[in-house]
Amino acid sequence: MVKKVIGAAAFAAFVLLASAPRAEASSIITVAGGTLGCFGVPGGCPTYSVNPWSGTEYDMYFYGASFNEQTDVVGSAGPFAIGAFGRDNDNLSTNSPDLDFTLQVTFTLPVGVNGSPSTFTAVIVGKNSGGGGPVNVNFDNTPIHFTYSNIGGSGEFYFSVFDVDGINKNTTADNKRETLYAQITGATFTTVGVNPNAAAVPEPASLVLLATGLVAVGLRLRKSTRKS
């Protein structure tokens, strides 16, 4: 009889542990957002706009854009366009100074996930060496890590941009601009898989305590049987 009690306790603990919620990881589906920019302010900008102008002899423009990108099975998306650069028909001077450009990228929370935070912002500085001829904008390409969570789990993704080379004059027309590209990598969302038809299951720590208690009861019964 005592052996049966102990066996039943062990079996009950095993069943409860086996039915506990399990975490499942999957790539997020969509990340949506848009870009703004600002020229000529090292280290950041007081204000950003969707179509900023450099205001110097470079006469360079940035054209912000919106995006809505779907990740693949390994949580990657891109390269995809997030804006473009162009220049008017100004004379280019070999004495033109270096020019900073600050990019602001704002994401909405991945589609279909209600959680926190609701938006993300990346601020990335691009630089060029000045002088005459085509302009190159060299961005900090280090991937930026974003995390988020909701009642059902948590997720993350990495965002980075590419450099833009060869921005010539007479390139303000749509078909002549130099496109700025970005990419998303490592996008995952880990959910807690729960059977909606199952009753509420205690936390694993509680299950261990329950199993230990049942075994202790069995051992106590065994001692009592021996004494009698």
C-alpha atoms as a PDB file:
ATOM      1  CA  MET A   1       0.000   0.000   0.000  1.00  0.00           C
ATOM      2  CA  VAL A   2       2.797   2.428   0.961  1.00  0.00           C
ATOM      3  CA  LYS A   3       4.706   1.697  -2.253  1.00  0.00           C
ATOM      4  CA  LYS A   4       1.564   2.461  -4.216  1.00  0.00           C
ATOM      5  CA  VAL A   5       1.192   5.856  -2.490  1.00  0.00           C
ATOM      6  CA  ILE A   6       4.821   6.784  -3.224  1.00  0.00           C
ATOM      7  CA  GLY A   7       4.498   5.598  -6.831  1.00  0.00           C
ATOM      8  CA  ALA A   8       1.293   7.562  -7.297  1.00  0.00           C
ATOM      9  CA  ALA A   9       2.935  10.706  -5.896  1.00  0.00           C
ATOM     10  CA  ALA A  10       5.900  10.419  -8.254  1.00  0.00           C
ATOM     11  CA  PHE A  11       3.614   9.777 -11.230  1.00  0.00           C
ATOM     12  CA  ALA A  12       1.410  12.777 -10.368  1.00  0.00           C
ATOM     13  CA  ALA A  13       4.444  15.062 -10.164  1.00  0.00           C
ATOM     14  CA  PHE A  14       5.689  13.820 -13.539  1.00  0.00           C
ATOM     15  CA  VAL A  15       2.314  14.439 -15.202  1.00  0.00           C
ATOM     16  CA  LEU A  16       2.057  17.951 -13.769  1.00  0.00           C
ATOM     17  CA  LEU A  17       5.572  18.875 -14.861  1.00  0.00           C
ATOM     18  CA  ALA A  18       4.996  17.443 -18.316  1.00  0.00           C
ATOM     19  CA  SER A  19       1.838  19.525 -18.747  1.00  0.00           C
ATOM     20  CA  ALA A  20       3.474  22.821 -17.715  1.00  0.00           C
ATOM     21  CA  PRO A  21       3.597  25.625 -20.347  1.00  0.00           C
ATOM     22  CA  ARG A  22       6.510  25.473 -22.776  1.00  0.00           C
ATOM     23  CA  ALA A  23       8.251  28.409 -24.454  1.00  0.00           C
ATOM     24  CA  GLU A  24       8.192  28.533 -28.243  1.00  0.00           C
ATOM     25  CA  ALA A  25      10.413  30.832 -30.327  1.00  0.00           C
ATOM     26  CA  SER A  26       9.494  32.123 -33.769  1.00  0.00           C
ATOM     27  CA  SER A  27      10.507  35.031 -35.975  1.00  0.00           C
ATOM     28  CA  ILE A  28       8.347  38.128 -35.852  1.00  0.00           C
ATOM     29  CA  ILE A  29       6.177  38.771 -38.887  1.00  0.00           C
ATOM     30  CA  THR A  30       6.378  42.471 -39.713  1.00  0.00           C
ATOM     31  CA  VAL A  31       8.229  45.607 -38.640  1.00  0.00           C
ATOM     32  CA  ALA A  32       6.837  48.947 -39.854  1.00  0.00           C
ATOM     33  CA  GLY A  33       8.316  52.421 -39.536  1.00  0.00           C
ATOM     34  CA  GLY A  34       9.588  55.578 -41.196  1.00  0.00           C
ATOM     35  CA  THR A  35      12.623  57.864 -41.449  1.00  0.00           C
ATOM     36  CA  LEU A  36      13.442  61.543 -40.893  1.00  0.00           C
ATOM     37  CA  GLY A  37      16.745  63.379 -41.119  1.00  0.00           C
ATOM     38  CA  CYS A  38      18.832  66.428 -40.256  1.00  0.00           C
ATOM     39  CA  PHE A  39      22.019  67.886 -41.790  1.00  0.00           C
ATOM     40  CA  GLY A  40      24.999  69.636 -40.291  1.00  0.00           C
ATOM     41  CA  VAL A  41      24.599  69.111 -36.545  1.00  0.00           C
ATOM     42  CA  PRO A  42      27.312  66.817 -35.122  1.00  0.00           C
ATOM     43  CA  GLY A  43      26.035  64.321 -32.597  1.00  0.00           C
ATOM     44  CA  GLY A  44      22.325  64.898 -33.095  1.00  0.00           C
ATOM     45  CA  CYS A  45      19.610  67.295 -34.190  1.00  0.00           C
ATOM     46  CA  PRO A  46      17.154  69.532 -32.349  1.00  0.00           C
ATOM     47  CA  THR A  47      14.520  68.804 -34.989  1.00  0.00           C
ATOM     48  CA  TYR A  48      14.091  66.263 -37.787  1.00  0.00           C
ATOM     49  CA  SER A  49      12.103  66.476 -41.011  1.00  0.00           C
ATOM     50  CA  VAL A  50      11.055  64.089 -43.760  1.00  0.00           C
ATOM     51  CA  ASN A  51      12.849  66.122 -46.474  1.00  0.00           C
ATOM     52  CA  PRO A  52      15.760  68.083 -44.935  1.00  0.00           C
ATOM     53  CA  TRP A  53      18.129  70.234 -46.999  1.00  0.00           C
ATOM     54  CA  SER A  54      21.820  70.633 -46.169  1.00  0.00           C
ATOM     55  CA  GLY A  55      21.785  74.421 -46.623  1.00  0.00           C
ATOM     56  CA  THR A  56      25.417  74.455 -47.808  1.00  0.00           C
ATOM     57  CA  GLU A  57      27.135  74.416 -51.170  1.00  0.00           C
ATOM     58  CA  TYR A  58      26.605  70.683 -51.158  1.00  0.00           C
ATOM     59  CA  ASP A  59      22.914  71.484 -51.650  1.00  0.00           C
ATOM     60  CA  MET A  60      22.116  67.914 -50.629  1.00  0.00           C
ATOM     61  CA  TYR A  61      18.670  66.592 -49.754  1.00  0.00           C
ATOM     62  CA  PHE A  62      17.389  63.593 -47.885  1.00  0.00           C
ATOM     63  CA  TYR A  63      14.032  62.038 -48.740  1.00  0.00           C
ATOM     64  CA  GLY A  64      12.517  60.091 -45.855  1.00  0.00           C
ATOM     65  CA  ALA A  65      10.395  57.023 -46.511  1.00  0.00           C
ATOM     66  CA  SER A  66       8.095  54.601 -44.730  1.00  0.00           C
ATOM     67  CA  PHE A  67       8.600  50.835 -44.729  1.00  0.00           C
ATOM     68  CA  ASN A  68       6.713  47.699 -43.820  1.00  0.00           C
ATOM     69  CA  GLU A  69       8.942  44.640 -43.934  1.00  0.00           C
ATOM     70  CA  GLN A  70       8.304  40.956 -43.306  1.00  0.00           C
ATOM     71  CA  THR A  71      10.999  38.794 -41.774  1.00  0.00           C
ATOM     72  CA  ASP A  72      11.918  35.358 -43.066  1.00  0.00           C
ATOM     73  CA  VAL A  73      12.152  32.088 -41.122  1.00  0.00           C
ATOM     74  CA  VAL A  74      15.474  33.088 -39.527  1.00  0.00           C
ATOM     75  CA  GLY A  75      14.205  36.529 -38.508  1.00  0.00           C
ATOM     76  CA  SER A  76      15.841  38.603 -41.263  1.00  0.00           C
ATOM     77  CA  ALA A  77      14.528  41.234 -43.661  1.00  0.00           C
ATOM     78  CA  GLY A  78      16.271  43.335 -46.268  1.00  0.00           C
ATOM     79  CA  PRO A  79      18.163  45.069 -47.543  1.00  0.00           C
ATOM     80  CA  PHE A  80      15.124  47.355 -47.950  1.00  0.00           C
ATOM     81  CA  ALA A  81      14.851  51.064 -48.827  1.00  0.00           C
ATOM     82  CA  ILE A  82      14.326  53.556 -45.998  1.00  0.00           C
ATOM     83  CA  GLY A  83      15.041  56.795 -47.872  1.00  0.00           C
ATOM     84  CA  ALA A  84      17.274  58.396 -50.506  1.00  0.00           C
ATOM     85  CA  PHE A  85      19.798  61.211 -51.063  1.00  0.00           C
ATOM     86  CA  GLY A  86      19.951  63.658 -53.940  1.00  0.00           C
ATOM     87  CA  ARG A  87      21.709  66.917 -54.947  1.00  0.00           C
ATOM     88  CA  ASP A  88      20.765  69.983 -56.968  1.00  0.00           C
ATOM     89  CA  ASN A  89      22.771  71.414 -59.868  1.00  0.00           C
ATOM     90  CA  ASP A  90      25.254  73.451 -57.797  1.00  0.00           C
ATOM     91  CA  ASN A  91      28.920  73.982 -58.553  1.00  0.00           C
ATOM     92  CA  LEU A  92      30.972  71.631 -56.398  1.00  0.00           C
ATOM     93  CA  SER A  93      33.959  73.059 -54.554  1.00  0.00           C
ATOM     94  CA  THR A  94      37.060  71.125 -53.576  1.00  0.00           C
ATOM     95  CA  ASN A  95      37.076  73.219 -50.381  1.00  0.00           C
ATOM     96  CA  SER A  96      33.613  72.169 -49.242  1.00  0.00           C
ATOM     97  CA  PRO A  97      33.601  71.072 -45.574  1.00  0.00           C
ATOM     98  CA  ASP A  98      32.736  67.770 -43.969  1.00  0.00           C
ATOM     99  CA  LEU A  99      29.019  67.285 -43.526  1.00  0.00           C
ATOM    100  CA  ASP A 100      27.195  65.355 -40.821  1.00  0.00           C
ATOM    101  CA  PHE A 101      23.833  63.777 -41.463  1.00  0.00           C
ATOM    102  CA  THR A 102      21.737  62.341 -38.641  1.00  0.00           C
ATOM    103  CA  LEU A 103      19.127  59.738 -39.467  1.00  0.00           C
ATOM    104  CA  GLN A 104      16.146  59.098 -37.191  1.00  0.00           C
ATOM    105  CA  VAL A 105      14.287  55.831 -37.702  1.00  0.00           C
ATOM    106  CA  THR A 106      11.050  55.167 -35.817  1.00  0.00           C
ATOM    107  CA  PHE A 107       9.482  51.683 -35.665  1.00  0.00           C
ATOM    108  CA  THR A 108       6.019  50.702 -34.621  1.00  0.00           C
ATOM    109  CA  LEU A 109       5.626  47.581 -32.520  1.00  0.00           C
ATOM    110  CA  PRO A 110       5.736  44.456 -34.737  1.00  0.00           C
ATOM    111  CA  VAL A 111       2.317  43.956 -36.316  1.00  0.00           C
ATOM    112  CA  GLY A 112       0.035  41.625 -34.382  1.00  0.00           C
ATOM    113  CA  VAL A 113       1.895  42.042 -31.088  1.00  0.00           C
ATOM    114  CA  ASN A 114       0.360  44.227 -28.408  1.00  0.00           C
ATOM    115  CA  GLY A 115       2.968  45.043 -25.822  1.00  0.00           C
ATOM    116  CA  SER A 116       5.647  47.425 -24.600  1.00  0.00           C
ATOM    117  CA  PRO A 117       7.257  49.585 -25.768  1.00  0.00           C
ATOM    118  CA  SER A 118       4.842  50.629 -28.512  1.00  0.00           C
ATOM    119  CA  THR A 119       7.527  52.354 -30.616  1.00  0.00           C
ATOM    120  CA  PHE A 120      11.313  52.228 -31.033  1.00  0.00           C
ATOM    121  CA  THR A 121      13.684  54.974 -32.211  1.00  0.00           C
ATOM    122  CA  ALA A 122      17.146  54.603 -33.741  1.00  0.00           C
ATOM    123  CA  VAL A 123      19.391  57.657 -34.221  1.00  0.00           C
ATOM    124  CA  ILE A 124      22.332  56.971 -36.542  1.00  0.00           C
ATOM    125  CA  VAL A 125      24.997  59.487 -37.634  1.00  0.00           C
ATOM    126  CA  GLY A 126      26.468  59.508 -41.136  1.00  0.00           C
ATOM    127  CA  LYS A 127      29.597  61.428 -42.201  1.00  0.00           C
ATOM    128  CA  ASN A 128      31.398  62.326 -45.416  1.00  0.00           C
ATOM    129  CA  SER A 129      34.836  63.729 -46.121  1.00  0.00           C
ATOM    130  CA  GLY A 130      33.789  66.849 -48.041  1.00  0.00           C
ATOM    131  CA  GLY A 131      35.662  68.118 -51.087  1.00  0.00           C
ATOM    132  CA  GLY A 132      34.485  68.207 -54.694  1.00  0.00           C
ATOM    133  CA  GLY A 133      32.849  65.443 -56.660  1.00  0.00           C
ATOM    134  CA  PRO A 134      30.367  62.787 -55.550  1.00  0.00           C
ATOM    135  CA  VAL A 135      29.438  62.648 -51.875  1.00  0.00           C
ATOM    136  CA  ASN A 136      29.616  59.476 -49.783  1.00  0.00           C
ATOM    137  CA  VAL A 137      27.697  59.168 -46.523  1.00  0.00           C
ATOM    138  CA  ASN A 138      29.377  56.713 -44.138  1.00  0.00           C
ATOM    139  CA  PHE A 139      27.018  55.578 -41.397  1.00  0.00           C
ATOM    140  CA  ASP A 140      27.731  53.809 -38.159  1.00  0.00           C
ATOM    141  CA  ASN A 141      26.770  50.303 -39.321  1.00  0.00           C
ATOM    142  CA  THR A 142      26.707  48.695 -35.866  1.00  0.00           C
ATOM    143  CA  PRO A 143      23.408  46.761 -35.481  1.00  0.00           C
ATOM    144  CA  ILE A 144      21.112  48.331 -32.867  1.00  0.00           C
ATOM    145  CA  HIS A 145      19.379  45.887 -30.525  1.00  0.00           C
ATOM    146  CA  PHE A 146      15.670  46.321 -29.731  1.00  0.00           C
ATOM    147  CA  THR A 147      13.576  44.269 -27.292  1.00  0.00           C
ATOM    148  CA  TYR A 148       9.861  44.222 -26.473  1.00  0.00           C
ATOM    149  CA  SER A 149       7.393  42.155 -24.485  1.00  0.00           C
ATOM    150  CA  ASN A 150       3.734  41.499 -23.862  1.00  0.00           C
ATOM    151  CA  ILE A 151       1.612  39.292 -21.637  1.00  0.00           C
ATOM    152  CA  GLY A 152       2.358  36.278 -23.846  1.00  0.00           C
ATOM    153  CA  GLY A 153       6.133  36.516 -24.134  1.00  0.00           C
ATOM    154  CA  SER A 154       9.021  38.669 -25.333  1.00  0.00           C
ATOM    155  CA  GLY A 155      10.917  39.432 -28.531  1.00  0.00           C
ATOM    156  CA  GLU A 156      13.939  41.156 -30.047  1.00  0.00           C
ATOM    157  CA  PHE A 157      15.455  42.261 -33.343  1.00  0.00           C
ATOM    158  CA  TYR A 158      18.533  44.088 -34.677  1.00  0.00           C
ATOM    159  CA  PHE A 159      18.450  47.058 -37.061  1.00  0.00           C
ATOM    160  CA  SER A 160      21.331  48.464 -39.130  1.00  0.00           C
ATOM    161  CA  VAL A 161      21.896  50.693 -42.169  1.00  0.00           C
ATOM    162  CA  PHE A 162      24.314  50.637 -45.108  1.00  0.00           C
ATOM    163  CA  ASP A 163      26.578  53.400 -46.400  1.00  0.00           C
ATOM    164  CA  VAL A 164      25.564  55.454 -49.449  1.00  0.00           C
ATOM    165  CA  ASP A 165      28.166  56.122 -52.148  1.00  0.00           C
ATOM    166  CA  GLY A 166      28.369  58.430 -55.159  1.00  0.00           C
ATOM    167  CA  ILE A 167      25.708  61.078 -54.545  1.00  0.00           C
ATOM    168  CA  ASN A 168      26.187  63.321 -57.604  1.00  0.00           C
ATOM    169  CA  LYS A 169      24.662  66.671 -58.538  1.00  0.00           C
ATOM    170  CA  ASN A 170      21.479  66.699 -60.655  1.00  0.00           C
ATOM    171  CA  THR A 171      20.115  63.756 -58.682  1.00  0.00           C
ATOM    172  CA  THR A 172      16.982  65.213 -57.089  1.00  0.00           C
ATOM    173  CA  ALA A 173      14.728  63.445 -59.605  1.00  0.00           C
ATOM    174  CA  ASP A 174      13.141  60.225 -58.325  1.00  0.00           C
ATOM    175  CA  ASN A 175      15.005  57.992 -60.766  1.00  0.00           C
ATOM    176  CA  LYS A 176      18.437  59.522 -60.043  1.00  0.00           C
ATOM    177  CA  ARG A 177      18.603  59.535 -56.263  1.00  0.00           C
ATOM    178  CA  GLU A 178      20.913  57.271 -54.284  1.00  0.00           C
ATOM    179  CA  THR A 179      18.883  54.898 -52.100  1.00  0.00           C
ATOM    180  CA  LEU A 180      19.601  54.354 -48.422  1.00  0.00           C
ATOM    181  CA  TYR A 181      19.139  50.708 -47.413  1.00  0.00           C
ATOM    182  CA  ALA A 182      18.644  49.000 -44.048  1.00  0.00           C
ATOM    183  CA  GLN A 183      18.241  45.465 -42.764  1.00  0.00           C
ATOM    184  CA  ILE A 184      16.714  43.595 -39.819  1.00  0.00           C
ATOM    185  CA  THR A 185      18.358  40.498 -38.354  1.00  0.00           C
ATOM    186  CA  GLY A 186      17.841  38.189 -35.385  1.00  0.00           C
ATOM    187  CA  ALA A 187      14.129  38.889 -35.103  1.00  0.00           C
ATOM    188  CA  THR A 188      12.395  36.494 -32.711  1.00  0.00           C
ATOM    189  CA  PHE A 189       9.389  36.391 -30.432  1.00  0.00           C
ATOM    190  CA  THR A 190       9.231  33.780 -27.680  1.00  0.00           C
ATOM    191  CA  THR A 191       5.714  32.857 -26.601  1.00  0.00           C
ATOM    192  CA  VAL A 192       4.431  30.648 -23.811  1.00  0.00           C
ATOM    193  CA  GLY A 193       2.468  27.778 -25.345  1.00  0.00           C
ATOM    194  CA  VAL A 194      -0.576  26.953 -23.222  1.00  0.00           C
ATOM    195  CA  ASN A 195      -3.315  24.442 -24.045  1.00  0.00           C
ATOM    196  CA  PRO A 196      -6.519  26.550 -23.953  1.00  0.00           C
ATOM    197  CA  ASN A 197      -8.556  23.457 -22.992  1.00  0.00           C
ATOM    198  CA  ALA A 198      -6.366  22.556 -20.028  1.00  0.00           C
ATOM    199  CA  ALA A 199      -6.953  23.645 -16.457  1.00  0.00           C
ATOM    200  CA  ALA A 200      -4.585  26.143 -14.868  1.00  0.00           C
ATOM    201  CA  VAL A 201      -1.227  24.555 -14.120  1.00  0.00           C
ATOM    202  CA  PRO A 202       0.939  25.582 -11.135  1.00  0.00           C
ATOM    203  CA  GLU A 203       4.429  26.999 -11.631  1.00  0.00           C
ATOM    204  CA  PRO A 204       7.268  24.389 -11.806  1.00  0.00           C
ATOM    205  CA  ALA A 205       8.550  25.384  -8.343  1.00  0.00           C
ATOM    206  CA  SER A 206       5.126  24.751  -6.854  1.00  0.00           C
ATOM    207  CA  LEU A 207       4.966  21.399  -8.609  1.00  0.00           C
ATOM    208  CA  VAL A 208       8.277  20.327  -7.072  1.00  0.00           C
ATOM    209  CA  LEU A 209       7.038  21.286  -3.600  1.00  0.00           C
ATOM    210  CA  LEU A 210       3.823  19.351  -4.175  1.00  0.00           C
ATOM    211  CA  ALA A 211       5.681  16.241  -5.321  1.00  0.00           C
ATOM    212  CA  THR A 212       8.073  16.471  -2.355  1.00  0.00           C
ATOM    213  CA  GLY A 213       5.129  16.727   0.014  1.00  0.00           C
ATOM    214  CA  LEU A 214       3.428  13.700  -1.494  1.00  0.00           C
ATOM    215  CA  VAL A 215       6.598  11.634  -1.210  1.00  0.00           C
ATOM    216  CA  ALA A 216       7.029  12.754   2.421  1.00  0.00           C
ATOM    217  CA  VAL A 217       3.478  11.643   3.195  1.00  0.00           C
ATOM    218  CA  GLY A 218       4.226   8.251   1.655  1.00  0.00           C
ATOM    219  CA  LEU A 219       7.396   7.817   3.711  1.00  0.00           C
ATOM    220  CA  ARG A 220       5.543   8.789   6.888  1.00  0.00           C
ATOM    221  CA  LEU A 221       2.850   6.224   6.151  1.00  0.00           C
ATOM    222  CA  ARG A 222       5.558   3.630   5.605  1.00  0.00           C
ATOM    223  CA  LYS A 223       7.140   4.359   9.019  1.00  0.00           C
ATOM    224  CA  SER A 224       3.745   4.208  10.720  1.00  0.00           C
ATOM    225  CA  THR A 225       3.062   0.817   9.116  1.00  0.00           C
ATOM    226  CA  ARG A 226       6.378  -0.587  10.331  1.00  0.00           C
ATOM    227  CA  LYS A 227       5.753   0.559  13.937  1.00  0.00           C
ATOM    228  CA  SER A 228       2.349  -1.018  14.023  1.00  0.00           C
END
